C-alpha atoms as a PDB file:
ATOM      1  CA  MET A   1       0.000   0.000   0.000  1.00  0.00           C
ATOM      2  CA  ASN A   2       1.364   3.374  -0.984  1.00  0.00           C
ATOM      3  CA  ASP A   3      -0.135   5.319   1.915  1.00  0.00           C
ATOM      4  CA  CYS A   4       0.587   2.813   4.718  1.00  0.00           C
ATOM      5  CA  LEU A   5       2.790   4.301   7.434  1.00  0.00           C
ATOM      6  CA  PHE A   6       4.389   0.936   8.281  1.00  0.00           C
ATOM      7  CA  CYS A   7       5.076   0.106   4.618  1.00  0.00           C
ATOM      8  CA  LYS A   8       6.872   3.463   4.354  1.00  0.00           C
ATOM      9  CA  ILE A   9       8.947   2.616   7.448  1.00  0.00           C
ATOM     10  CA  ILE A  10       9.928  -0.746   5.922  1.00  0.00           C
ATOM     11  CA  LYS A  11      10.974   1.006   2.675  1.00  0.00           C
ATOM     12  CA  GLY A  12      13.068   3.507   4.654  1.00  0.00           C
ATOM     13  CA  GLU A  13      10.913   6.437   3.572  1.00  0.00           C
ATOM     14  CA  ILE A  14      10.210   7.199   7.228  1.00  0.00           C
ATOM     15  CA  PRO A  15      13.045   6.791   9.756  1.00  0.00           C
ATOM     16  CA  SER A  16      12.762   4.274  12.573  1.00  0.00           C
ATOM     17  CA  HIS A  17      14.813   2.766  15.384  1.00  0.00           C
ATOM     18  CA  LYS A  18      15.085  -0.710  13.905  1.00  0.00           C
ATOM     19  CA  VAL A  19      15.797  -3.619  16.247  1.00  0.00           C
ATOM     20  CA  TYR A  20      15.320  -6.540  13.831  1.00  0.00           C
ATOM     21  CA  GLU A  21      14.862  -7.273  10.154  1.00  0.00           C
ATOM     22  CA  ASP A  22      14.830 -10.369   7.992  1.00  0.00           C
ATOM     23  CA  GLU A  23      13.140 -11.240   4.688  1.00  0.00           C
ATOM     24  CA  ASN A  24       9.657 -11.360   6.245  1.00  0.00           C
ATOM     25  CA  VAL A  25       9.667  -9.416   9.520  1.00  0.00           C
ATOM     26  CA  PHE A  26      10.604  -5.888  10.591  1.00  0.00           C
ATOM     27  CA  ALA A  27      10.727  -4.684  14.212  1.00  0.00           C
ATOM     28  CA  PHE A  28      11.277  -1.158  15.480  1.00  0.00           C
ATOM     29  CA  LEU A  29      10.775   0.967  18.581  1.00  0.00           C
ATOM     30  CA  ASP A  30       7.436   2.704  18.934  1.00  0.00           C
ATOM     31  CA  ILE A  31       7.757   6.505  18.687  1.00  0.00           C
ATOM     32  CA  ARG A  32       5.050   6.793  21.359  1.00  0.00           C
ATOM     33  CA  PRO A  33       6.440   4.245  23.820  1.00  0.00           C
ATOM     34  CA  LEU A  34       4.434   3.072  26.776  1.00  0.00           C
ATOM     35  CA  ASN A  35       7.751   2.019  28.353  1.00  0.00           C
ATOM     36  CA  PRO A  36      11.381   2.048  27.206  1.00  0.00           C
ATOM     37  CA  GLY A  37      11.852  -0.820  24.755  1.00  0.00           C
ATOM     38  CA  HIS A  38       8.243  -0.756  23.469  1.00  0.00           C
ATOM     39  CA  THR A  39       8.687  -2.501  20.110  1.00  0.00           C
ATOM     40  CA  LEU A  40       6.392  -3.038  17.136  1.00  0.00           C
ATOM     41  CA  VAL A  41       6.811  -6.255  15.144  1.00  0.00           C
ATOM     42  CA  ILE A  42       5.327  -6.179  11.648  1.00  0.00           C
ATOM     43  CA  PRO A  43       5.338  -8.386   8.568  1.00  0.00           C
ATOM     44  CA  LYS A  44       7.210  -6.815   5.667  1.00  0.00           C
ATOM     45  CA  LYS A  45       4.406  -7.793   3.300  1.00  0.00           C
ATOM     46  CA  HIS A  46       1.306  -5.693   3.866  1.00  0.00           C
ATOM     47  CA  PHE A  47      -1.457  -7.571   5.643  1.00  0.00           C
ATOM     48  CA  ARG A  48      -4.387  -5.815   7.276  1.00  0.00           C
ATOM     49  CA  TRP A  49      -4.678  -8.222  10.193  1.00  0.00           C
ATOM     50  CA  VAL A  50      -2.212 -10.444  12.052  1.00  0.00           C
ATOM     51  CA  TRP A  51      -4.327 -13.547  11.347  1.00  0.00           C
ATOM     52  CA  ASP A  52      -4.023 -12.886   7.577  1.00  0.00           C
ATOM     53  CA  ILE A  53      -0.226 -13.394   7.592  1.00  0.00           C
ATOM     54  CA  ASP A  54       0.801 -16.262   5.279  1.00  0.00           C
ATOM     55  CA  ASP A  55       3.226 -17.906   7.706  1.00  0.00           C
ATOM     56  CA  ILE A  56       1.878 -16.779  11.062  1.00  0.00           C
ATOM     57  CA  GLY A  57       3.963 -19.442  12.848  1.00  0.00           C
ATOM     58  CA  ASP A  58       7.232 -17.936  11.596  1.00  0.00           C
ATOM     59  CA  TYR A  59       5.966 -14.450  12.452  1.00  0.00           C
ATOM     60  CA  TYR A  60       5.241 -15.446  16.053  1.00  0.00           C
ATOM     61  CA  LYS A  61       8.553 -17.309  16.292  1.00  0.00           C
ATOM     62  CA  LYS A  62      10.300 -14.012  15.451  1.00  0.00           C
ATOM     63  CA  ILE A  63       8.116 -12.185  17.982  1.00  0.00           C
ATOM     64  CA  GLY A  64       9.345 -14.656  20.619  1.00  0.00           C
ATOM     65  CA  ILE A  65      12.977 -14.051  19.681  1.00  0.00           C
ATOM     66  CA  ILE A  66      12.507 -10.273  19.895  1.00  0.00           C
ATOM     67  CA  ALA A  67      10.539 -10.482  23.179  1.00  0.00           C
ATOM     68  CA  ASN A  68      13.328 -12.560  24.742  1.00  0.00           C
ATOM     69  CA  ALA A  69      15.916 -10.026  23.544  1.00  0.00           C
ATOM     70  CA  ILE A  70      13.891  -7.237  25.192  1.00  0.00           C
ATOM     71  CA  LYS A  71      13.685  -9.302  28.411  1.00  0.00           C
ATOM     72  CA  LYS A  72      17.472  -9.674  28.483  1.00  0.00           C
ATOM     73  CA  SER A  73      18.089  -6.042  27.553  1.00  0.00           C
ATOM     74  CA  PHE A  74      15.933  -4.701  30.372  1.00  0.00           C
ATOM     75  CA  GLU A  75      16.399  -7.537  32.859  1.00  0.00           C
ATOM     76  CA  THR A  76      12.656  -8.095  33.213  1.00  0.00           C
ATOM     77  CA  ASP A  77      10.553 -11.216  32.908  1.00  0.00           C
ATOM     78  CA  TYR A  78       7.420  -9.232  32.209  1.00  0.00           C
ATOM     79  CA  ILE A  79       6.782  -8.481  28.528  1.00  0.00           C
ATOM     80  CA  VAL A  80       3.223  -7.645  27.512  1.00  0.00           C
ATOM     81  CA  SER A  81       2.163  -8.400  23.942  1.00  0.00           C
ATOM     82  CA  LEU A  82      -0.814  -6.608  22.457  1.00  0.00           C
ATOM     83  CA  VAL A  83      -2.576  -6.912  19.114  1.00  0.00           C
ATOM     84  CA  PHE A  84      -4.896  -4.061  18.242  1.00  0.00           C
ATOM     85  CA  GLY A  85      -4.723  -3.250  14.541  1.00  0.00           C
ATOM     86  CA  GLU A  86      -7.097  -0.306  14.712  1.00  0.00           C
ATOM     87  CA  GLU A  87      -4.715   2.640  14.704  1.00  0.00           C
ATOM     88  CA  ILE A  88      -2.546   1.522  11.751  1.00  0.00           C
ATOM     89  CA  HIS A  89      -4.071  -0.765   9.114  1.00  0.00           C
ATOM     90  CA  HIS A  90      -1.005  -3.016   8.853  1.00  0.00           C
ATOM     91  CA  ALA A  91      -0.695  -6.180  10.938  1.00  0.00           C
ATOM     92  CA  HIS A  92       1.447  -5.617  14.036  1.00  0.00           C
ATOM     93  CA  VAL A  93       2.141  -6.794  17.558  1.00  0.00           C
ATOM     94  CA  TRP A  94       3.253  -4.538  20.391  1.00  0.00           C
ATOM     95  CA  LEU A  95       5.902  -5.850  22.796  1.00  0.00           C
ATOM     96  CA  ILE A  96       6.046  -3.748  25.947  1.00  0.00           C
ATOM     97  CA  PRO A  97       8.433  -4.473  28.811  1.00  0.00           C
ATOM     98  CA  ARG A  98       6.973  -3.894  32.255  1.00  0.00           C
ATOM     99  CA  PHE A  99       8.864  -2.655  35.296  1.00  0.00           C
ATOM    100  CA  GLU A 100       8.099  -2.120  38.932  1.00  0.00           C
ATOM    101  CA  ASN A 101       6.652   1.376  39.390  1.00  0.00           C
ATOM    102  CA  ASP A 102       6.446   2.010  35.631  1.00  0.00           C
ATOM    103  CA  GLY A 103       3.336   4.146  36.078  1.00  0.00           C
ATOM    104  CA  HIS A 104       0.922   1.654  34.524  1.00  0.00           C
ATOM    105  CA  GLY A 105      -0.479   0.035  37.647  1.00  0.00           C
ATOM    106  CA  GLY A 106      -1.966  -3.420  37.171  1.00  0.00           C
ATOM    107  CA  SER A 107      -2.403  -3.186  33.408  1.00  0.00           C
ATOM    108  CA  ILE A 108      -1.039  -1.090  30.569  1.00  0.00           C
ATOM    109  CA  ASP A 109      -2.422   2.446  30.449  1.00  0.00           C
ATOM    110  CA  LEU A 110      -2.498   3.389  26.759  1.00  0.00           C
ATOM    111  CA  ASN A 111      -2.340   7.074  27.693  1.00  0.00           C
ATOM    112  CA  ASN A 112       0.848   6.729  29.746  1.00  0.00           C
ATOM    113  CA  ILE A 113       3.265   7.547  26.916  1.00  0.00           C
ATOM    114  CA  LYS A 114       6.889   8.050  27.928  1.00  0.00           C
ATOM    115  CA  GLU A 115       9.098  10.864  26.632  1.00  0.00           C
ATOM    116  CA  ILE A 116      12.375   9.312  25.470  1.00  0.00           C
ATOM    117  CA  SER A 117      15.072  11.274  23.636  1.00  0.00           C
ATOM    118  CA  LYS A 118      16.266  10.253  20.180  1.00  0.00           C
ATOM    119  CA  GLU A 119      19.691   9.464  21.636  1.00  0.00           C
ATOM    120  CA  LYS A 120      18.188   7.200  24.299  1.00  0.00           C
ATOM    121  CA  MET A 121      16.000   5.479  21.685  1.00  0.00           C
ATOM    122  CA  GLU A 122      19.120   4.772  19.612  1.00  0.00           C
ATOM    123  CA  LYS A 123      20.820   3.238  22.657  1.00  0.00           C
ATOM    124  CA  ILE A 124      17.754   1.127  23.454  1.00  0.00           C
ATOM    125  CA  ALA A 125      17.533  -0.166  19.861  1.00  0.00           C
ATOM    126  CA  LYS A 126      21.238  -1.057  19.883  1.00  0.00           C
ATOM    127  CA  LYS A 127      20.901  -2.841  23.231  1.00  0.00           C
ATOM    128  CA  ILE A 128      17.998  -4.973  21.984  1.00  0.00           C
ATOM    129  CA  LYS A 129      19.765  -5.774  18.683  1.00  0.00           C
ATOM    130  CA  GLU A 130      22.794  -7.034  20.604  1.00  0.00           C
ATOM    131  CA  GLU A 131      20.612  -9.568  22.485  1.00  0.00           C
ATOM    132  CA  ILE A 132      18.947 -11.055  19.381  1.00  0.00           C
ATOM    133  CA  ILE A 133      20.359 -14.484  18.644  1.00  0.00           C
END
């Protein structure tokens, strides 16, 4: 799709803090993070919904690899995964690390967006990349 924000990110038309890429999957830090390390995992081929992805098993295998890299990077065992698909019409999964006293209480507060500098985002992306096996 020519007007899809995520397709433009994959093509490099819009900059992102990439943490993972292979022939089918692209992962990058959310620019409106709910916590440091909040990552979006998307298929490189445009699908409207996650359940439309051709090889959903491979997609979720990559999500697991990325989630475990985030866990190691932030030394947390608590990674929340969310599938919405309403805000951007391109299949995607959110991976959000949770921390004690992260301001979300018992469940993720979608309005609790963190302000993280570009420099810090670059460091976070590098840290996650280094943990991906």
